[in-house]
Amino acid sequence: MPIEVYNTIEFAHEAKKRTQIINTNRFHAWIHYYKPDQIDEMHCHNQDQTFTVVEGQLTMKFPDGGEAKLDPGMMCTITGGSFYQLHNQTDKELVMIGTRSGSSESTVKVEYGTGRLINERINSVAATTA
């Protein structure tokens, strides 16, 4: 179907992990779910992206020691090659919508400091429709 509608919060709490919901050669999007105190590594991607917080609070950390806190309804934009780290520092779940230019297959995830390529598809699942 060319149009899919999601209840983002319900979907995230059922999947309980990063779930890709669309993937074309121009764009891909996913619903992010972070458990309390879940954190990822400092990294960047080769494509521009956005995060929109739907539930909970996101703390974004940056290599210079800075950080930004995003509450529900807040969005951030990240240009390709910009390093960041996502952290749910609360005792409640965090739900976000992520979008990125290009297909997921053309996305590269690079670890800060080492330049090591990271397989971002670990712990994620593709959405299926009934």
C-alpha atoms as a PDB file:
ATOM      1  CA  MET A   1       0.000   0.000   0.000  1.00  0.00           C
ATOM      2  CA  PRO A   2       1.456   3.428  -0.897  1.00  0.00           C
ATOM      3  CA  ILE A   3       0.236   5.012   2.369  1.00  0.00           C
ATOM      4  CA  GLU A   4       0.697   3.504   5.834  1.00  0.00           C
ATOM      5  CA  VAL A   5      -0.613   5.017   9.068  1.00  0.00           C
ATOM      6  CA  TYR A   6       1.049   4.264  12.421  1.00  0.00           C
ATOM      7  CA  ASN A   7       0.116   4.939  16.015  1.00  0.00           C
ATOM      8  CA  THR A   8       3.729   5.678  16.891  1.00  0.00           C
ATOM      9  CA  ILE A   9       3.494   5.146  20.656  1.00  0.00           C
ATOM     10  CA  GLU A  10       1.519   1.884  20.437  1.00  0.00           C
ATOM     11  CA  PHE A  11       3.766   0.574  17.666  1.00  0.00           C
ATOM     12  CA  ALA A  12       6.958   1.379  19.615  1.00  0.00           C
ATOM     13  CA  HIS A  13       5.736  -0.244  22.831  1.00  0.00           C
ATOM     14  CA  GLU A  14       4.770  -3.405  20.944  1.00  0.00           C
ATOM     15  CA  ALA A  15       8.039  -3.698  18.973  1.00  0.00           C
ATOM     16  CA  LYS A  16      10.321  -2.490  21.803  1.00  0.00           C
ATOM     17  CA  LYS A  17      13.197  -1.849  19.358  1.00  0.00           C
ATOM     18  CA  ARG A  18      14.213   0.301  16.407  1.00  0.00           C
ATOM     19  CA  THR A  19      11.829  -0.598  13.591  1.00  0.00           C
ATOM     20  CA  GLN A  20      12.205   0.581  10.010  1.00  0.00           C
ATOM     21  CA  ILE A  21       8.835   1.621   8.585  1.00  0.00           C
ATOM     22  CA  ILE A  22       9.777   2.814   5.077  1.00  0.00           C
ATOM     23  CA  ASN A  23      12.830   2.384   2.881  1.00  0.00           C
ATOM     24  CA  THR A  24      13.145   3.806  -0.635  1.00  0.00           C
ATOM     25  CA  ASN A  25      16.216   4.812  -2.628  1.00  0.00           C
ATOM     26  CA  ARG A  26      15.579   8.481  -1.645  1.00  0.00           C
ATOM     27  CA  PHE A  27      14.505   8.222   2.016  1.00  0.00           C
ATOM     28  CA  HIS A  28      14.026   5.911   4.968  1.00  0.00           C
ATOM     29  CA  ALA A  29      12.298   6.255   8.338  1.00  0.00           C
ATOM     30  CA  TRP A  30      11.996   4.268  11.536  1.00  0.00           C
ATOM     31  CA  ILE A  31      10.384   4.300  14.947  1.00  0.00           C
ATOM     32  CA  HIS A  32      12.988   4.336  17.712  1.00  0.00           C
ATOM     33  CA  TYR A  33      12.394   2.764  21.138  1.00  0.00           C
ATOM     34  CA  TYR A  34      14.936   3.203  23.935  1.00  0.00           C
ATOM     35  CA  LYS A  35      14.638   1.483  27.302  1.00  0.00           C
ATOM     36  CA  PRO A  36      15.420   3.454  30.477  1.00  0.00           C
ATOM     37  CA  ASP A  37      19.135   4.358  30.623  1.00  0.00           C
ATOM     38  CA  GLN A  38      19.778   2.901  27.133  1.00  0.00           C
ATOM     39  CA  ILE A  39      22.698   4.577  25.386  1.00  0.00           C
ATOM     40  CA  ASP A  40      24.443   4.087  22.067  1.00  0.00           C
ATOM     41  CA  GLU A  41      27.984   4.815  20.959  1.00  0.00           C
ATOM     42  CA  MET A  42      29.191   8.210  19.745  1.00  0.00           C
ATOM     43  CA  HIS A  43      28.797   7.975  15.970  1.00  0.00           C
ATOM     44  CA  CYS A  44      27.821   9.686  12.721  1.00  0.00           C
ATOM     45  CA  HIS A  45      26.152   8.760   9.442  1.00  0.00           C
ATOM     46  CA  ASN A  46      26.899   9.759   5.876  1.00  0.00           C
ATOM     47  CA  GLN A  47      23.377  11.140   5.340  1.00  0.00           C
ATOM     48  CA  ASP A  48      21.274  13.977   6.754  1.00  0.00           C
ATOM     49  CA  GLN A  49      18.656  12.968   9.315  1.00  0.00           C
ATOM     50  CA  THR A  50      16.066  14.087  11.835  1.00  0.00           C
ATOM     51  CA  PHE A  51      14.763  12.827  15.181  1.00  0.00           C
ATOM     52  CA  THR A  52      11.375  13.808  16.603  1.00  0.00           C
ATOM     53  CA  VAL A  53      10.638  12.875  20.220  1.00  0.00           C
ATOM     54  CA  VAL A  54       7.130  11.486  20.715  1.00  0.00           C
ATOM     55  CA  GLU A  55       7.352  10.192  24.299  1.00  0.00           C
ATOM     56  CA  GLY A  56      10.000  10.499  27.002  1.00  0.00           C
ATOM     57  CA  GLN A  57      13.141  12.616  26.916  1.00  0.00           C
ATOM     58  CA  LEU A  58      16.185  12.261  24.676  1.00  0.00           C
ATOM     59  CA  THR A  59      19.626  13.447  25.704  1.00  0.00           C
ATOM     60  CA  MET A  60      21.953  14.001  22.760  1.00  0.00           C
ATOM     61  CA  LYS A  61      25.650  14.208  23.590  1.00  0.00           C
ATOM     62  CA  PHE A  62      28.364  15.645  21.347  1.00  0.00           C
ATOM     63  CA  PRO A  63      32.154  15.114  21.107  1.00  0.00           C
ATOM     64  CA  ASP A  64      32.892  18.571  22.555  1.00  0.00           C
ATOM     65  CA  GLY A  65      31.096  17.610  25.796  1.00  0.00           C
ATOM     66  CA  GLY A  66      27.938  19.542  24.951  1.00  0.00           C
ATOM     67  CA  GLU A  67      24.482  18.079  25.142  1.00  0.00           C
ATOM     68  CA  ALA A  68      20.889  18.828  24.208  1.00  0.00           C
ATOM     69  CA  LYS A  69      17.719  17.539  25.851  1.00  0.00           C
ATOM     70  CA  LEU A  70      14.650  17.004  23.676  1.00  0.00           C
ATOM     71  CA  ASP A  71      11.155  16.601  25.109  1.00  0.00           C
ATOM     72  CA  PRO A  72       8.003  15.375  23.317  1.00  0.00           C
ATOM     73  CA  GLY A  73       7.216  17.524  20.298  1.00  0.00           C
ATOM     74  CA  MET A  74      10.860  18.614  19.860  1.00  0.00           C
ATOM     75  CA  MET A  75      12.873  17.761  16.764  1.00  0.00           C
ATOM     76  CA  CYS A  76      16.536  17.911  15.827  1.00  0.00           C
ATOM     77  CA  THR A  77      18.254  17.940  12.455  1.00  0.00           C
ATOM     78  CA  ILE A  78      21.669  16.387  11.942  1.00  0.00           C
ATOM     79  CA  THR A  79      23.808  16.904   8.862  1.00  0.00           C
ATOM     80  CA  GLY A  80      25.690  13.892   7.542  1.00  0.00           C
ATOM     81  CA  GLY A  81      29.119  13.509   9.159  1.00  0.00           C
ATOM     82  CA  SER A  82      28.095  15.152  12.466  1.00  0.00           C
ATOM     83  CA  PHE A  83      28.921  13.002  15.501  1.00  0.00           C
ATOM     84  CA  TYR A  84      26.398  12.463  18.307  1.00  0.00           C
ATOM     85  CA  GLN A  85      25.305   9.962  20.944  1.00  0.00           C
ATOM     86  CA  LEU A  86      21.717   9.156  21.965  1.00  0.00           C
ATOM     87  CA  HIS A  87      20.915   8.445  25.605  1.00  0.00           C
ATOM     88  CA  ASN A  88      17.664   7.879  27.469  1.00  0.00           C
ATOM     89  CA  GLN A  89      18.768   9.105  30.897  1.00  0.00           C
ATOM     90  CA  THR A  90      15.310   8.670  32.441  1.00  0.00           C
ATOM     91  CA  ASP A  91      13.505   5.778  34.115  1.00  0.00           C
ATOM     92  CA  LYS A  92      10.780   5.785  31.410  1.00  0.00           C
ATOM     93  CA  GLU A  93      10.765   4.595  27.805  1.00  0.00           C
ATOM     94  CA  LEU A  94      11.761   6.945  24.986  1.00  0.00           C
ATOM     95  CA  VAL A  95       9.926   6.883  21.639  1.00  0.00           C
ATOM     96  CA  MET A  96      11.159   8.836  18.608  1.00  0.00           C
ATOM     97  CA  ILE A  97      10.645   9.000  14.872  1.00  0.00           C
ATOM     98  CA  GLY A  98      13.835   9.041  12.808  1.00  0.00           C
ATOM     99  CA  THR A  99      14.241   9.926   9.142  1.00  0.00           C
ATOM    100  CA  ARG A 100      17.281   9.889   6.912  1.00  0.00           C
ATOM    101  CA  SER A 101      18.014  10.786   3.301  1.00  0.00           C
ATOM    102  CA  GLY A 102      18.854   7.880   1.000  1.00  0.00           C
ATOM    103  CA  SER A 103      18.104   4.202   1.468  1.00  0.00           C
ATOM    104  CA  SER A 104      19.095   2.254   4.567  1.00  0.00           C
ATOM    105  CA  GLU A 105      21.382   0.160   2.352  1.00  0.00           C
ATOM    106  CA  SER A 106      23.366   3.281   1.390  1.00  0.00           C
ATOM    107  CA  THR A 107      23.731   4.400   5.019  1.00  0.00           C
ATOM    108  CA  VAL A 108      27.105   4.148   6.720  1.00  0.00           C
ATOM    109  CA  LYS A 109      27.477   4.403  10.505  1.00  0.00           C
ATOM    110  CA  VAL A 110      30.927   5.436  11.751  1.00  0.00           C
ATOM    111  CA  GLU A 111      32.182   5.173  15.345  1.00  0.00           C
ATOM    112  CA  TYR A 112      33.722   8.348  16.774  1.00  0.00           C
ATOM    113  CA  GLY A 113      37.466   8.250  17.414  1.00  0.00           C
ATOM    114  CA  THR A 114      38.162   4.965  15.621  1.00  0.00           C
ATOM    115  CA  GLY A 115      36.485   5.498  12.242  1.00  0.00           C
ATOM    116  CA  ARG A 116      35.254   1.903  12.530  1.00  0.00           C
ATOM    117  CA  LEU A 117      32.140   1.109  10.500  1.00  0.00           C
ATOM    118  CA  ILE A 118      29.276  -0.104  12.699  1.00  0.00           C
ATOM    119  CA  ASN A 119      26.445  -2.352  11.521  1.00  0.00           C
ATOM    120  CA  GLU A 120      23.423  -0.284  12.614  1.00  0.00           C
ATOM    121  CA  ARG A 121      20.939  -2.997  11.690  1.00  0.00           C
ATOM    122  CA  ILE A 122      21.784  -4.957  14.838  1.00  0.00           C
ATOM    123  CA  ASN A 123      18.788  -4.929  17.227  1.00  0.00           C
ATOM    124  CA  SER A 124      16.421  -3.534  14.603  1.00  0.00           C
ATOM    125  CA  VAL A 125      13.552  -5.189  12.779  1.00  0.00           C
ATOM    126  CA  ALA A 126      11.694  -4.327   9.571  1.00  0.00           C
ATOM    127  CA  ALA A 127       8.019  -3.471   9.974  1.00  0.00           C
ATOM    128  CA  THR A 128       5.508  -5.921   8.588  1.00  0.00           C
ATOM    129  CA  THR A 129       1.903  -5.247   7.724  1.00  0.00           C
ATOM    130  CA  ALA A 130      -0.936  -7.724   7.982  1.00  0.00           C
END
